Amino acid sequence: MVEPGETKVKAEEGEERKYRAKFNKKKHGKNNNSKRVDRDRDVPELLKGVEFSMAKNGPDLYLKALAKLQLYASTTYKNSADVWKSLKMGKVVTFTPPSLDENASPMQKEMWKIHVNNTIKHEELLEANLEVMYKVVMSICDPVLKDQVCNHESYEEIDNKQDTLGLLQIIKKAMYSNGDDNNHMGYNHVVAVMNYYRIQQERFQSLQEYRDQFVMYRKVCEQLGIKIGASENGGTNMLKRMKITNPMQQQKDDTEKKAIEEHRAILFLLGADKYKYGKLIKDMKNDVILKKDSFPKTVSEASHLLSKWKTVTAENITMEKMSPMMVLPSQP
């Protein structure tokens, strides 16, 4: 009889001998995913695979992770819209208490009390939701970034308050500067500006992806305190084009903002895919020589123009010739 764990082998003399069965244990080598699996155990299901990390494309990763956090908040917390807005703005949403008229009736006073109580509840609930979210944000930080966050000068105060928005500010700064400190501020500024002005839409990159990347590089500059497109002459030139001779201060401010937005729109258009939009860009450059103002004034207008532009290529012409919707001449 063979016991469990043994194997029966026939010997040369015809006897049966019993040998203890040997099983080779599979040796599992350590891999990079093992640590990630351990971290994912503490991460909410909706945020699996989302990570704040010190990668080269830090700004892009930050914006994508923040968008996932906003989605998580929208599906998890009560009055989630307040959390969503706070994450988007980077500061706590403020609630304006209702005003009470001096000649208010008793019914109006009662309604006022209800509105005031609701406002207080909204504030308290938002504060509680943001505190709970603190651990969620920390759970999706990779070890390198988490170590840098914990060594930040403001970390102890932020951690004691469970300040989610303060934590996100530290994370954002670290990811946007790739962990470099203020000693490399000049270098970070140069790289940020170069990335912004050199951005080009890749051959098969969608228009939406190109726009998201364009906005991301602009936000990197803004995070570093760089004002792109701002100049003293920009607003002045805009006032002349609008034929405003004695502008008020508000008009000066408005035209300066318009000049900056126009600067962004032109840069966005010039960086578009030359294969798809080369003729459009060339025509607009020629319009400058003819003193025609055909460039879009906002990034939204530029994006809309590019999305509606019909690209004329040899491939398109061939497809049009083969189209069954073509009207053929009638036979005599």
C-alpha atoms as a PDB file:
ATOM      1  CA  MET A   1       0.000   0.000   0.000  1.00  0.00           C
ATOM      2  CA  VAL A   2       1.299   3.408  -0.866  1.00  0.00           C
ATOM      3  CA  GLU A   3       0.784   6.171   1.668  1.00  0.00           C
ATOM      4  CA  PRO A   4      -0.178   9.685   0.577  1.00  0.00           C
ATOM      5  CA  GLY A   5       2.849  11.684  -0.439  1.00  0.00           C
ATOM      6  CA  GLU A   6       4.725   8.533  -1.592  1.00  0.00           C
ATOM      7  CA  THR A   7       5.265   7.067  -5.063  1.00  0.00           C
ATOM      8  CA  LYS A   8       5.610   3.371  -5.991  1.00  0.00           C
ATOM      9  CA  VAL A   9       8.687   2.403  -8.053  1.00  0.00           C
ATOM     10  CA  LYS A  10       9.429  -1.122  -9.365  1.00  0.00           C
ATOM     11  CA  ALA A  11      12.944  -2.323  -8.437  1.00  0.00           C
ATOM     12  CA  GLU A  12      15.136  -4.554 -10.582  1.00  0.00           C
ATOM     13  CA  GLU A  13      14.518  -7.625  -8.358  1.00  0.00           C
ATOM     14  CA  GLY A  14      10.789  -7.261  -8.825  1.00  0.00           C
ATOM     15  CA  GLU A  15      10.237  -5.719  -5.424  1.00  0.00           C
ATOM     16  CA  GLU A  16       8.267  -2.587  -4.862  1.00  0.00           C
ATOM     17  CA  ARG A  17      10.015   0.188  -3.004  1.00  0.00           C
ATOM     18  CA  LYS A  18       8.487   3.306  -1.570  1.00  0.00           C
ATOM     19  CA  TYR A  19      10.048   6.705  -2.029  1.00  0.00           C
ATOM     20  CA  ARG A  20       8.926   9.952  -0.567  1.00  0.00           C
ATOM     21  CA  ALA A  21       7.550  12.074  -3.403  1.00  0.00           C
ATOM     22  CA  LYS A  22       9.448  15.263  -4.004  1.00  0.00           C
ATOM     23  CA  PHE A  23       7.752  18.381  -5.242  1.00  0.00           C
ATOM     24  CA  ASN A  24       9.750  21.334  -6.451  1.00  0.00           C
ATOM     25  CA  LYS A  25       8.376  24.553  -5.021  1.00  0.00           C
ATOM     26  CA  LYS A  26       8.105  27.302  -7.522  1.00  0.00           C
ATOM     27  CA  LYS A  27      10.308  30.150  -6.526  1.00  0.00           C
ATOM     28  CA  HIS A  28       8.671  33.488  -6.997  1.00  0.00           C
ATOM     29  CA  GLY A  29      11.112  36.238  -7.709  1.00  0.00           C
ATOM     30  CA  LYS A  30      10.392  39.707  -6.440  1.00  0.00           C
ATOM     31  CA  ASN A  31       8.851  41.913  -9.058  1.00  0.00           C
ATOM     32  CA  ASN A  32       7.815  45.526  -9.252  1.00  0.00           C
ATOM     33  CA  ASN A  33       4.116  44.658  -9.121  1.00  0.00           C
ATOM     34  CA  SER A  34       4.259  43.017  -5.664  1.00  0.00           C
ATOM     35  CA  LYS A  35       4.587  46.315  -3.840  1.00  0.00           C
ATOM     36  CA  ARG A  36       1.840  47.828  -5.968  1.00  0.00           C
ATOM     37  CA  VAL A  37      -0.526  44.957  -5.101  1.00  0.00           C
ATOM     38  CA  ASP A  38       0.079  45.572  -1.397  1.00  0.00           C
ATOM     39  CA  ARG A  39      -0.651  49.264  -1.833  1.00  0.00           C
ATOM     40  CA  ASP A  40      -3.793  48.613  -3.848  1.00  0.00           C
ATOM     41  CA  ARG A  41      -5.308  46.715  -0.920  1.00  0.00           C
ATOM     42  CA  ASP A  42      -5.826  50.044   0.867  1.00  0.00           C
ATOM     43  CA  VAL A  43      -6.983  51.905  -2.246  1.00  0.00           C
ATOM     44  CA  PRO A  44     -10.717  52.288  -3.027  1.00  0.00           C
ATOM     45  CA  GLU A  45     -11.879  50.174  -5.961  1.00  0.00           C
ATOM     46  CA  LEU A  46     -12.612  53.186  -8.169  1.00  0.00           C
ATOM     47  CA  LEU A  47      -9.042  54.457  -7.716  1.00  0.00           C
ATOM     48  CA  LYS A  48      -7.223  51.196  -8.485  1.00  0.00           C
ATOM     49  CA  GLY A  49      -4.431  51.919 -10.929  1.00  0.00           C
ATOM     50  CA  VAL A  50      -4.508  55.674 -10.172  1.00  0.00           C
ATOM     51  CA  GLU A  51      -1.280  57.040  -8.746  1.00  0.00           C
ATOM     52  CA  PHE A  52       0.509  60.232  -7.816  1.00  0.00           C
ATOM     53  CA  SER A  53       4.157  59.596  -8.672  1.00  0.00           C
ATOM     54  CA  MET A  54       7.462  61.315  -9.385  1.00  0.00           C
ATOM     55  CA  ALA A  55       7.494  60.482 -13.086  1.00  0.00           C
ATOM     56  CA  LYS A  56       8.765  62.550 -16.005  1.00  0.00           C
ATOM     57  CA  ASN A  57       5.228  63.361 -17.128  1.00  0.00           C
ATOM     58  CA  GLY A  58       4.246  64.442 -13.619  1.00  0.00           C
ATOM     59  CA  PRO A  59       1.849  67.264 -14.582  1.00  0.00           C
ATOM     60  CA  ASP A  60      -0.115  65.003 -16.912  1.00  0.00           C
ATOM     61  CA  LEU A  61      -0.302  62.267 -14.250  1.00  0.00           C
ATOM     62  CA  TYR A  62      -1.415  64.785 -11.638  1.00  0.00           C
ATOM     63  CA  LEU A  63      -4.301  66.109 -13.724  1.00  0.00           C
ATOM     64  CA  LYS A  64      -5.482  62.600 -14.615  1.00  0.00           C
ATOM     65  CA  ALA A  65      -5.307  61.430 -10.994  1.00  0.00           C
ATOM     66  CA  LEU A  66      -7.127  64.561  -9.825  1.00  0.00           C
ATOM     67  CA  ALA A  67      -9.906  63.904 -12.361  1.00  0.00           C
ATOM     68  CA  LYS A  68     -10.270  60.375 -10.953  1.00  0.00           C
ATOM     69  CA  LEU A  69     -10.414  61.774  -7.423  1.00  0.00           C
ATOM     70  CA  GLN A  70     -13.199  64.114  -8.486  1.00  0.00           C
ATOM     71  CA  LEU A  71     -15.114  61.187  -9.974  1.00  0.00           C
ATOM     72  CA  TYR A  72     -14.536  59.175  -6.786  1.00  0.00           C
ATOM     73  CA  ALA A  73     -15.848  62.060  -4.662  1.00  0.00           C
ATOM     74  CA  SER A  74     -18.911  62.433  -6.892  1.00  0.00           C
ATOM     75  CA  THR A  75     -19.909  58.796  -6.356  1.00  0.00           C
ATOM     76  CA  THR A  76     -18.920  58.467  -2.691  1.00  0.00           C
ATOM     77  CA  TYR A  77     -19.743  61.520  -0.591  1.00  0.00           C
ATOM     78  CA  LYS A  78     -22.979  63.241   0.268  1.00  0.00           C
ATOM     79  CA  ASN A  79     -23.196  66.731  -1.240  1.00  0.00           C
ATOM     80  CA  SER A  80     -20.348  65.597  -3.481  1.00  0.00           C
ATOM     81  CA  ALA A  81     -20.628  68.665  -5.705  1.00  0.00           C
ATOM     82  CA  ASP A  82     -19.027  70.767  -2.951  1.00  0.00           C
ATOM     83  CA  VAL A  83     -16.073  68.368  -2.705  1.00  0.00           C
ATOM     84  CA  TRP A  84     -15.749  68.268  -6.504  1.00  0.00           C
ATOM     85  CA  LYS A  85     -15.636  72.071  -6.730  1.00  0.00           C
ATOM     86  CA  SER A  86     -13.107  72.326  -3.892  1.00  0.00           C
ATOM     87  CA  LEU A  87     -10.788  69.836  -5.588  1.00  0.00           C
ATOM     88  CA  LYS A  88     -11.092  71.677  -8.890  1.00  0.00           C
ATOM     89  CA  MET A  89     -10.416  75.137  -7.421  1.00  0.00           C
ATOM     90  CA  GLY A  90      -7.799  73.956  -4.933  1.00  0.00           C
ATOM     91  CA  LYS A  91      -9.562  75.741  -2.090  1.00  0.00           C
ATOM     92  CA  VAL A  92     -12.612  75.185   0.097  1.00  0.00           C
ATOM     93  CA  VAL A  93     -15.898  76.301  -1.434  1.00  0.00           C
ATOM     94  CA  THR A  94     -17.364  79.256   0.443  1.00  0.00           C
ATOM     95  CA  PHE A  95     -21.051  79.462   1.261  1.00  0.00           C
ATOM     96  CA  THR A  96     -22.791  82.830   1.347  1.00  0.00           C
ATOM     97  CA  PRO A  97     -25.357  82.956   4.150  1.00  0.00           C
ATOM     98  CA  PRO A  98     -28.757  84.362   3.167  1.00  0.00           C
ATOM     99  CA  SER A  99     -29.554  87.953   4.077  1.00  0.00           C
ATOM    100  CA  LEU A 100     -32.561  88.944   6.178  1.00  0.00           C
ATOM    101  CA  ASP A 101     -34.571  92.031   5.377  1.00  0.00           C
ATOM    102  CA  GLU A 102     -35.319  94.357   8.281  1.00  0.00           C
ATOM    103  CA  ASN A 103     -39.028  94.320   7.432  1.00  0.00           C
ATOM    104  CA  ALA A 104     -39.197  90.557   6.979  1.00  0.00           C
ATOM    105  CA  SER A 105     -42.415  88.827   8.002  1.00  0.00           C
ATOM    106  CA  PRO A 106     -42.437  86.027  10.622  1.00  0.00           C
ATOM    107  CA  MET A 107     -42.680  83.448   7.828  1.00  0.00           C
ATOM    108  CA  GLN A 108     -39.675  84.961   6.040  1.00  0.00           C
ATOM    109  CA  LYS A 109     -37.699  84.911   9.284  1.00  0.00           C
ATOM    110  CA  GLU A 110     -38.440  81.215   9.748  1.00  0.00           C
ATOM    111  CA  MET A 111     -37.358  80.490   6.187  1.00  0.00           C
ATOM    112  CA  TRP A 112     -34.197  82.487   6.799  1.00  0.00           C
ATOM    113  CA  LYS A 113     -33.361  80.342   9.840  1.00  0.00           C
ATOM    114  CA  ILE A 114     -33.832  77.171   7.777  1.00  0.00           C
ATOM    115  CA  HIS A 115     -31.507  78.473   5.047  1.00  0.00           C
ATOM    116  CA  VAL A 116     -28.872  79.487   7.619  1.00  0.00           C
ATOM    117  CA  ASN A 117     -28.984  76.044   9.237  1.00  0.00           C
ATOM    118  CA  ASN A 118     -28.659  74.369   5.829  1.00  0.00           C
ATOM    119  CA  THR A 119     -25.645  76.550   5.031  1.00  0.00           C
ATOM    120  CA  ILE A 120     -23.957  75.548   8.292  1.00  0.00           C
ATOM    121  CA  LYS A 121     -24.671  71.862   7.598  1.00  0.00           C
ATOM    122  CA  HIS A 122     -23.161  72.173   4.121  1.00  0.00           C
ATOM    123  CA  GLU A 123     -19.996  73.723   5.557  1.00  0.00           C
ATOM    124  CA  GLU A 124     -19.654  71.081   8.260  1.00  0.00           C
ATOM    125  CA  LEU A 125     -20.294  68.203   5.846  1.00  0.00           C
ATOM    126  CA  LEU A 126     -17.752  69.544   3.338  1.00  0.00           C
ATOM    127  CA  GLU A 127     -15.135  69.853   6.068  1.00  0.00           C
ATOM    128  CA  ALA A 128     -15.804  66.274   7.226  1.00  0.00           C
ATOM    129  CA  ASN A 129     -15.698  64.883   3.666  1.00  0.00           C
ATOM    130  CA  LEU A 130     -12.382  66.572   2.931  1.00  0.00           C
ATOM    131  CA  GLU A 131     -10.883  65.222   6.163  1.00  0.00           C
ATOM    132  CA  VAL A 132     -11.968  61.672   5.263  1.00  0.00           C
ATOM    133  CA  MET A 133     -10.472  62.084   1.808  1.00  0.00           C
ATOM    134  CA  TYR A 134      -7.041  62.833   3.265  1.00  0.00           C
ATOM    135  CA  LYS A 135      -6.169  59.155   3.727  1.00  0.00           C
ATOM    136  CA  VAL A 136      -7.533  58.343   0.280  1.00  0.00           C
ATOM    137  CA  VAL A 137      -5.138  60.838  -1.319  1.00  0.00           C
ATOM    138  CA  MET A 138      -2.196  59.480   0.670  1.00  0.00           C
ATOM    139  CA  SER A 139      -3.070  55.923  -0.363  1.00  0.00           C
ATOM    140  CA  ILE A 140      -2.493  56.663  -4.070  1.00  0.00           C
ATOM    141  CA  CYS A 141       0.918  58.297  -3.597  1.00  0.00           C
ATOM    142  CA  ASP A 142       3.881  56.160  -4.607  1.00  0.00           C
ATOM    143  CA  PRO A 143       6.586  55.584  -1.940  1.00  0.00           C
ATOM    144  CA  VAL A 144       9.042  58.103  -3.413  1.00  0.00           C
ATOM    145  CA  LEU A 145       6.473  60.894  -3.534  1.00  0.00           C
ATOM    146  CA  LYS A 146       5.064  59.976  -0.132  1.00  0.00           C
ATOM    147  CA  ASP A 147       8.541  60.235   1.372  1.00  0.00           C
ATOM    148  CA  GLN A 148       9.016  63.678  -0.160  1.00  0.00           C
ATOM    149  CA  VAL A 149       5.603  64.814   1.093  1.00  0.00           C
ATOM    150  CA  CYS A 150       6.358  63.615   4.630  1.00  0.00           C
ATOM    151  CA  ASN A 151       9.631  65.578   4.602  1.00  0.00           C
ATOM    152  CA  HIS A 152       7.945  68.811   3.559  1.00  0.00           C
ATOM    153  CA  GLU A 153       8.180  71.646   6.070  1.00  0.00           C
ATOM    154  CA  SER A 154       4.379  72.052   6.236  1.00  0.00           C
ATOM    155  CA  TYR A 155       3.553  68.338   6.409  1.00  0.00           C
ATOM    156  CA  GLU A 156       3.178  68.054  10.195  1.00  0.00           C
ATOM    157  CA  GLU A 157       0.647  70.883  10.343  1.00  0.00           C
ATOM    158  CA  ILE A 158      -1.246  69.562   7.312  1.00  0.00           C
ATOM    159  CA  ASP A 159      -1.262  66.033   8.704  1.00  0.00           C
ATOM    160  CA  ASN A 160      -2.592  67.148  12.096  1.00  0.00           C
ATOM    161  CA  LYS A 161      -5.461  68.975  10.414  1.00  0.00           C
ATOM    162  CA  GLN A 162      -5.996  66.202   7.831  1.00  0.00           C
ATOM    163  CA  ASP A 163      -5.919  69.028   5.290  1.00  0.00           C
ATOM    164  CA  THR A 164      -6.612  67.326   1.946  1.00  0.00           C
ATOM    165  CA  LEU A 165      -6.297  70.470  -0.153  1.00  0.00           C
ATOM    166  CA  GLY A 166      -3.030  71.416   1.539  1.00  0.00           C
ATOM    167  CA  LEU A 167      -1.743  67.903   0.874  1.00  0.00           C
ATOM    168  CA  LEU A 168      -2.695  68.167  -2.794  1.00  0.00           C
ATOM    169  CA  GLN A 169      -0.802  71.451  -3.062  1.00  0.00           C
ATOM    170  CA  ILE A 170       2.394  69.764  -1.847  1.00  0.00           C
ATOM    171  CA  ILE A 171       1.847  66.835  -4.214  1.00  0.00           C
ATOM    172  CA  LYS A 172       1.133  69.134  -7.146  1.00  0.00           C
ATOM    173  CA  LYS A 173       4.231  71.238  -6.562  1.00  0.00           C
ATOM    174  CA  ALA A 174       6.424  68.126  -6.278  1.00  0.00           C
ATOM    175  CA  MET A 175       5.002  66.507  -9.413  1.00  0.00           C
ATOM    176  CA  TYR A 176       5.084  69.692 -11.498  1.00  0.00           C
ATOM    177  CA  SER A 177       8.731  70.380 -10.611  1.00  0.00           C
ATOM    178  CA  ASN A 178       9.697  66.680 -10.682  1.00  0.00           C
ATOM    179  CA  GLY A 179      10.892  66.920  -7.101  1.00  0.00           C
ATOM    180  CA  ASP A 180      13.415  69.710  -7.675  1.00  0.00           C
ATOM    181  CA  ASP A 181      13.705  72.278  -4.923  1.00  0.00           C
ATOM    182  CA  ASN A 182      13.880  76.052  -5.203  1.00  0.00           C
ATOM    183  CA  ASN A 183      17.599  75.876  -5.984  1.00  0.00           C
ATOM    184  CA  HIS A 184      16.621  74.734  -9.473  1.00  0.00           C
ATOM    185  CA  MET A 185      13.853  77.295  -9.948  1.00  0.00           C
ATOM    186  CA  GLY A 186      15.516  78.963 -12.929  1.00  0.00           C
ATOM    187  CA  TYR A 187      16.032  75.649 -14.696  1.00  0.00           C
ATOM    188  CA  ASN A 188      12.424  74.595 -14.015  1.00  0.00           C
ATOM    189  CA  HIS A 189      11.162  77.872 -15.467  1.00  0.00           C
ATOM    190  CA  VAL A 190      13.172  77.475 -18.665  1.00  0.00           C
ATOM    191  CA  VAL A 191      12.073  73.862 -19.173  1.00  0.00           C
ATOM    192  CA  ALA A 192       8.417  74.745 -18.519  1.00  0.00           C
ATOM    193  CA  VAL A 193       8.451  77.598 -21.042  1.00  0.00           C
ATOM    194  CA  MET A 194      10.279  75.482 -23.646  1.00  0.00           C
ATOM    195  CA  ASN A 195       7.770  72.638 -23.274  1.00  0.00           C
ATOM    196  CA  TYR A 196       4.879  75.067 -23.647  1.00  0.00           C
ATOM    197  CA  TYR A 197       6.167  76.800 -26.779  1.00  0.00           C
ATOM    198  CA  ARG A 198       7.460  73.630 -28.425  1.00  0.00           C
ATOM    199  CA  ILE A 199       4.337  71.523 -28.073  1.00  0.00           C
ATOM    200  CA  GLN A 200       3.183  70.028 -31.374  1.00  0.00           C
ATOM    201  CA  GLN A 201       0.224  67.814 -32.157  1.00  0.00           C
ATOM    202  CA  GLU A 202       1.528  64.374 -33.084  1.00  0.00           C
ATOM    203  CA  ARG A 203       0.567  62.646 -36.322  1.00  0.00           C
ATOM    204  CA  PHE A 204      -2.281  60.484 -35.031  1.00  0.00           C
ATOM    205  CA  GLN A 205      -3.002  62.364 -31.811  1.00  0.00           C
ATOM    206  CA  SER A 206      -6.630  63.382 -31.386  1.00  0.00           C
ATOM    207  CA  LEU A 207      -7.532  67.054 -31.158  1.00  0.00           C
ATOM    208  CA  GLN A 208      -8.863  66.603 -27.613  1.00  0.00           C
ATOM    209  CA  GLU A 209      -5.652  64.915 -26.455  1.00  0.00           C
ATOM    210  CA  TYR A 210      -3.581  67.699 -28.004  1.00  0.00           C
ATOM    211  CA  ARG A 211      -5.711  70.344 -26.305  1.00  0.00           C
ATOM    212  CA  ASP A 212      -5.477  68.595 -22.914  1.00  0.00           C
ATOM    213  CA  GLN A 213      -1.698  68.431 -23.259  1.00  0.00           C
ATOM    214  CA  PHE A 214      -1.538  72.087 -24.301  1.00  0.00           C
ATOM    215  CA  VAL A 215      -3.578  73.161 -21.279  1.00  0.00           C
ATOM    216  CA  MET A 216      -1.460  70.952 -19.008  1.00  0.00           C
ATOM    217  CA  TYR A 217       1.792  72.624 -20.085  1.00  0.00           C
ATOM    218  CA  ARG A 218       0.191  76.041 -19.599  1.00  0.00           C
ATOM    219  CA  LYS A 219      -0.853  75.096 -16.072  1.00  0.00           C
ATOM    220  CA  VAL A 220       2.707  73.996 -15.317  1.00  0.00           C
ATOM    221  CA  CYS A 221       3.864  77.518 -16.185  1.00  0.00           C
ATOM    222  CA  GLU A 222       1.136  79.060 -14.054  1.00  0.00           C
ATOM    223  CA  GLN A 223       2.041  76.785 -11.133  1.00  0.00           C
ATOM    224  CA  LEU A 224       5.628  78.098 -11.338  1.00  0.00           C
ATOM    225  CA  GLY A 225       4.380  81.687 -11.417  1.00  0.00           C
ATOM    226  CA  ILE A 226       5.227  82.288 -15.086  1.00  0.00           C
ATOM    227  CA  LYS A 227       2.910  84.634 -16.991  1.00  0.00           C
ATOM    228  CA  ILE A 228       2.811  83.479 -20.591  1.00  0.00           C
ATOM    229  CA  GLY A 229       1.557  85.950 -23.192  1.00  0.00           C
ATOM    230  CA  ALA A 230       1.365  88.931 -20.833  1.00  0.00           C
ATOM    231  CA  SER A 231       2.940  92.186 -22.025  1.00  0.00           C
ATOM    232  CA  GLU A 232       2.411  95.918 -21.685  1.00  0.00           C
ATOM    233  CA  ASN A 233       1.867  96.328 -25.409  1.00  0.00           C
ATOM    234  CA  GLY A 234      -0.608  93.461 -25.686  1.00  0.00           C
ATOM    235  CA  GLY A 235      -3.471  95.270 -23.978  1.00  0.00           C
ATOM    236  CA  THR A 236      -2.577  98.589 -25.608  1.00  0.00           C
ATOM    237  CA  ASN A 237      -2.635  97.044 -29.057  1.00  0.00           C
ATOM    238  CA  MET A 238      -5.969  95.422 -28.315  1.00  0.00           C
ATOM    239  CA  LEU A 239      -7.429  98.798 -27.281  1.00  0.00           C
ATOM    240  CA  LYS A 240      -6.278 100.345 -30.561  1.00  0.00           C
ATOM    241  CA  ARG A 241      -7.873  97.544 -32.555  1.00  0.00           C
ATOM    242  CA  MET A 242     -11.100  98.093 -30.616  1.00  0.00           C
ATOM    243  CA  LYS A 243     -10.769 101.872 -31.242  1.00  0.00           C
ATOM    244  CA  ILE A 244     -10.937 102.758 -27.546  1.00  0.00           C
ATOM    245  CA  THR A 245      -9.052 106.019 -26.995  1.00  0.00           C
ATOM    246  CA  ASN A 246      -9.700 106.834 -23.325  1.00  0.00           C
ATOM    247  CA  PRO A 247     -10.085 103.464 -21.629  1.00  0.00           C
ATOM    248  CA  MET A 248     -11.197 102.944 -18.045  1.00  0.00           C
ATOM    249  CA  GLN A 249      -9.120 100.679 -15.789  1.00  0.00           C
ATOM    250  CA  GLN A 250     -11.646  97.867 -16.171  1.00  0.00           C
ATOM    251  CA  GLN A 251     -11.346  98.088 -19.946  1.00  0.00           C
ATOM    252  CA  LYS A 252      -7.547  97.927 -19.671  1.00  0.00           C
ATOM    253  CA  ASP A 253      -7.770  94.798 -17.540  1.00  0.00           C
ATOM    254  CA  ASP A 254     -10.281  93.165 -19.875  1.00  0.00           C
ATOM    255  CA  THR A 255      -8.248  93.869 -23.014  1.00  0.00           C
ATOM    256  CA  GLU A 256      -5.083  92.543 -21.360  1.00  0.00           C
ATOM    257  CA  LYS A 257      -6.886  89.262 -20.613  1.00  0.00           C
ATOM    258  CA  LYS A 258      -8.154  89.132 -24.203  1.00  0.00           C
ATOM    259  CA  ALA A 259      -4.625  89.674 -25.516  1.00  0.00           C
ATOM    260  CA  ILE A 260      -3.317  86.792 -23.393  1.00  0.00           C
ATOM    261  CA  GLU A 261      -6.126  84.509 -24.567  1.00  0.00           C
ATOM    262  CA  GLU A 262      -5.448  85.450 -28.201  1.00  0.00           C
ATOM    263  CA  HIS A 263      -1.774  84.630 -27.652  1.00  0.00           C
ATOM    264  CA  ARG A 264      -2.759  81.160 -26.411  1.00  0.00           C
ATOM    265  CA  ALA A 265      -5.136  80.613 -29.326  1.00  0.00           C
ATOM    266  CA  ILE A 266      -2.494  81.453 -31.951  1.00  0.00           C
ATOM    267  CA  LEU A 267       0.091  79.253 -30.237  1.00  0.00           C
ATOM    268  CA  PHE A 268      -2.402  76.384 -30.065  1.00  0.00           C
ATOM    269  CA  LEU A 269      -3.253  76.741 -33.752  1.00  0.00           C
ATOM    270  CA  LEU A 270       0.373  76.931 -34.905  1.00  0.00           C
ATOM    271  CA  GLY A 271       1.148  73.733 -33.001  1.00  0.00           C
ATOM    272  CA  ALA A 272      -1.600  71.742 -34.714  1.00  0.00           C
ATOM    273  CA  ASP A 273      -0.830  68.774 -36.984  1.00  0.00           C
ATOM    274  CA  LYS A 274       0.746  70.179 -40.164  1.00  0.00           C
ATOM    275  CA  TYR A 275      -0.414  67.188 -42.224  1.00  0.00           C
ATOM    276  CA  LYS A 276      -4.061  67.843 -41.382  1.00  0.00           C
ATOM    277  CA  TYR A 277      -4.111  71.604 -40.981  1.00  0.00           C
ATOM    278  CA  GLY A 278      -1.036  72.773 -42.900  1.00  0.00           C
ATOM    279  CA  LYS A 279      -3.021  74.591 -45.602  1.00  0.00           C
ATOM    280  CA  LEU A 280      -5.202  76.342 -43.024  1.00  0.00           C
ATOM    281  CA  ILE A 281      -2.163  77.553 -41.070  1.00  0.00           C
ATOM    282  CA  LYS A 282      -0.404  78.663 -44.268  1.00  0.00           C
ATOM    283  CA  ASP A 283      -3.448  80.658 -45.391  1.00  0.00           C
ATOM    284  CA  MET A 284      -3.672  82.411 -42.028  1.00  0.00           C
ATOM    285  CA  LYS A 285       0.020  83.312 -42.155  1.00  0.00           C
ATOM    286  CA  ASN A 286      -0.544  84.795 -45.610  1.00  0.00           C
ATOM    287  CA  ASP A 287      -3.483  86.767 -44.204  1.00  0.00           C
ATOM    288  CA  VAL A 288      -1.049  88.444 -41.799  1.00  0.00           C
ATOM    289  CA  ILE A 289       0.923  89.722 -44.821  1.00  0.00           C
ATOM    290  CA  LEU A 290      -2.333  90.983 -46.318  1.00  0.00           C
ATOM    291  CA  LYS A 291      -3.153  92.664 -42.971  1.00  0.00           C
ATOM    292  CA  LYS A 292      -6.197  90.465 -42.430  1.00  0.00           C
ATOM    293  CA  ASP A 293      -7.099  89.376 -38.904  1.00  0.00           C
ATOM    294  CA  SER A 294      -8.226  85.778 -39.410  1.00  0.00           C
ATOM    295  CA  PHE A 295      -6.685  84.090 -36.356  1.00  0.00           C
ATOM    296  CA  PRO A 296      -9.097  82.826 -33.662  1.00  0.00           C
ATOM    297  CA  LYS A 297      -9.289  84.810 -30.431  1.00  0.00           C
ATOM    298  CA  THR A 298      -9.647  81.963 -27.933  1.00  0.00           C
ATOM    299  CA  VAL A 299      -8.419  78.397 -27.625  1.00  0.00           C
ATOM    300  CA  SER A 300     -12.037  77.247 -27.797  1.00  0.00           C
ATOM    301  CA  GLU A 301     -12.512  79.033 -31.129  1.00  0.00           C
ATOM    302  CA  ALA A 302      -9.261  77.565 -32.450  1.00  0.00           C
ATOM    303  CA  SER A 303     -10.246  74.066 -31.358  1.00  0.00           C
ATOM    304  CA  HIS A 304     -13.680  74.433 -32.956  1.00  0.00           C
ATOM    305  CA  LEU A 305     -12.117  75.685 -36.205  1.00  0.00           C
ATOM    306  CA  LEU A 306      -9.712  72.744 -36.367  1.00  0.00           C
ATOM    307  CA  SER A 307     -12.464  70.231 -35.620  1.00  0.00           C
ATOM    308  CA  LYS A 308     -14.563  71.534 -38.534  1.00  0.00           C
ATOM    309  CA  TRP A 309     -11.705  71.920 -41.003  1.00  0.00           C
ATOM    310  CA  LYS A 310     -11.905  69.509 -43.937  1.00  0.00           C
ATOM    311  CA  THR A 311      -8.469  68.144 -44.771  1.00  0.00           C
ATOM    312  CA  VAL A 312      -7.783  67.803 -48.496  1.00  0.00           C
ATOM    313  CA  THR A 313      -5.402  64.922 -49.206  1.00  0.00           C
ATOM    314  CA  ALA A 314      -4.857  62.490 -52.067  1.00  0.00           C
ATOM    315  CA  GLU A 315      -6.494  59.809 -49.940  1.00  0.00           C
ATOM    316  CA  ASN A 316      -9.610  61.911 -49.391  1.00  0.00           C
ATOM    317  CA  ILE A 317      -9.891  62.701 -53.094  1.00  0.00           C
ATOM    318  CA  THR A 318      -9.654  58.996 -53.968  1.00  0.00           C
ATOM    319  CA  MET A 319     -12.346  58.118 -51.421  1.00  0.00           C
ATOM    320  CA  GLU A 320     -14.642  60.813 -52.782  1.00  0.00           C
ATOM    321  CA  LYS A 321     -14.262  59.406 -56.291  1.00  0.00           C
ATOM    322  CA  MET A 322     -15.204  55.954 -55.018  1.00  0.00           C
ATOM    323  CA  SER A 323     -18.138  57.205 -52.955  1.00  0.00           C
ATOM    324  CA  PRO A 324     -21.460  55.568 -53.951  1.00  0.00           C
ATOM    325  CA  MET A 325     -23.259  58.806 -53.085  1.00  0.00           C
ATOM    326  CA  MET A 326     -21.660  60.502 -56.082  1.00  0.00           C
ATOM    327  CA  VAL A 327     -24.142  61.594 -58.742  1.00  0.00           C
ATOM    328  CA  LEU A 328     -23.197  59.992 -62.030  1.00  0.00           C
ATOM    329  CA  PRO A 329     -24.090  61.627 -65.366  1.00  0.00           C
ATOM    330  CA  SER A 330     -27.108  60.072 -67.068  1.00  0.00           C
ATOM    331  CA  GLN A 331     -26.462  57.862 -70.051  1.00  0.00           C
ATOM    332  CA  PRO A 332     -27.750  59.151 -73.444  1.00  0.00           C
END
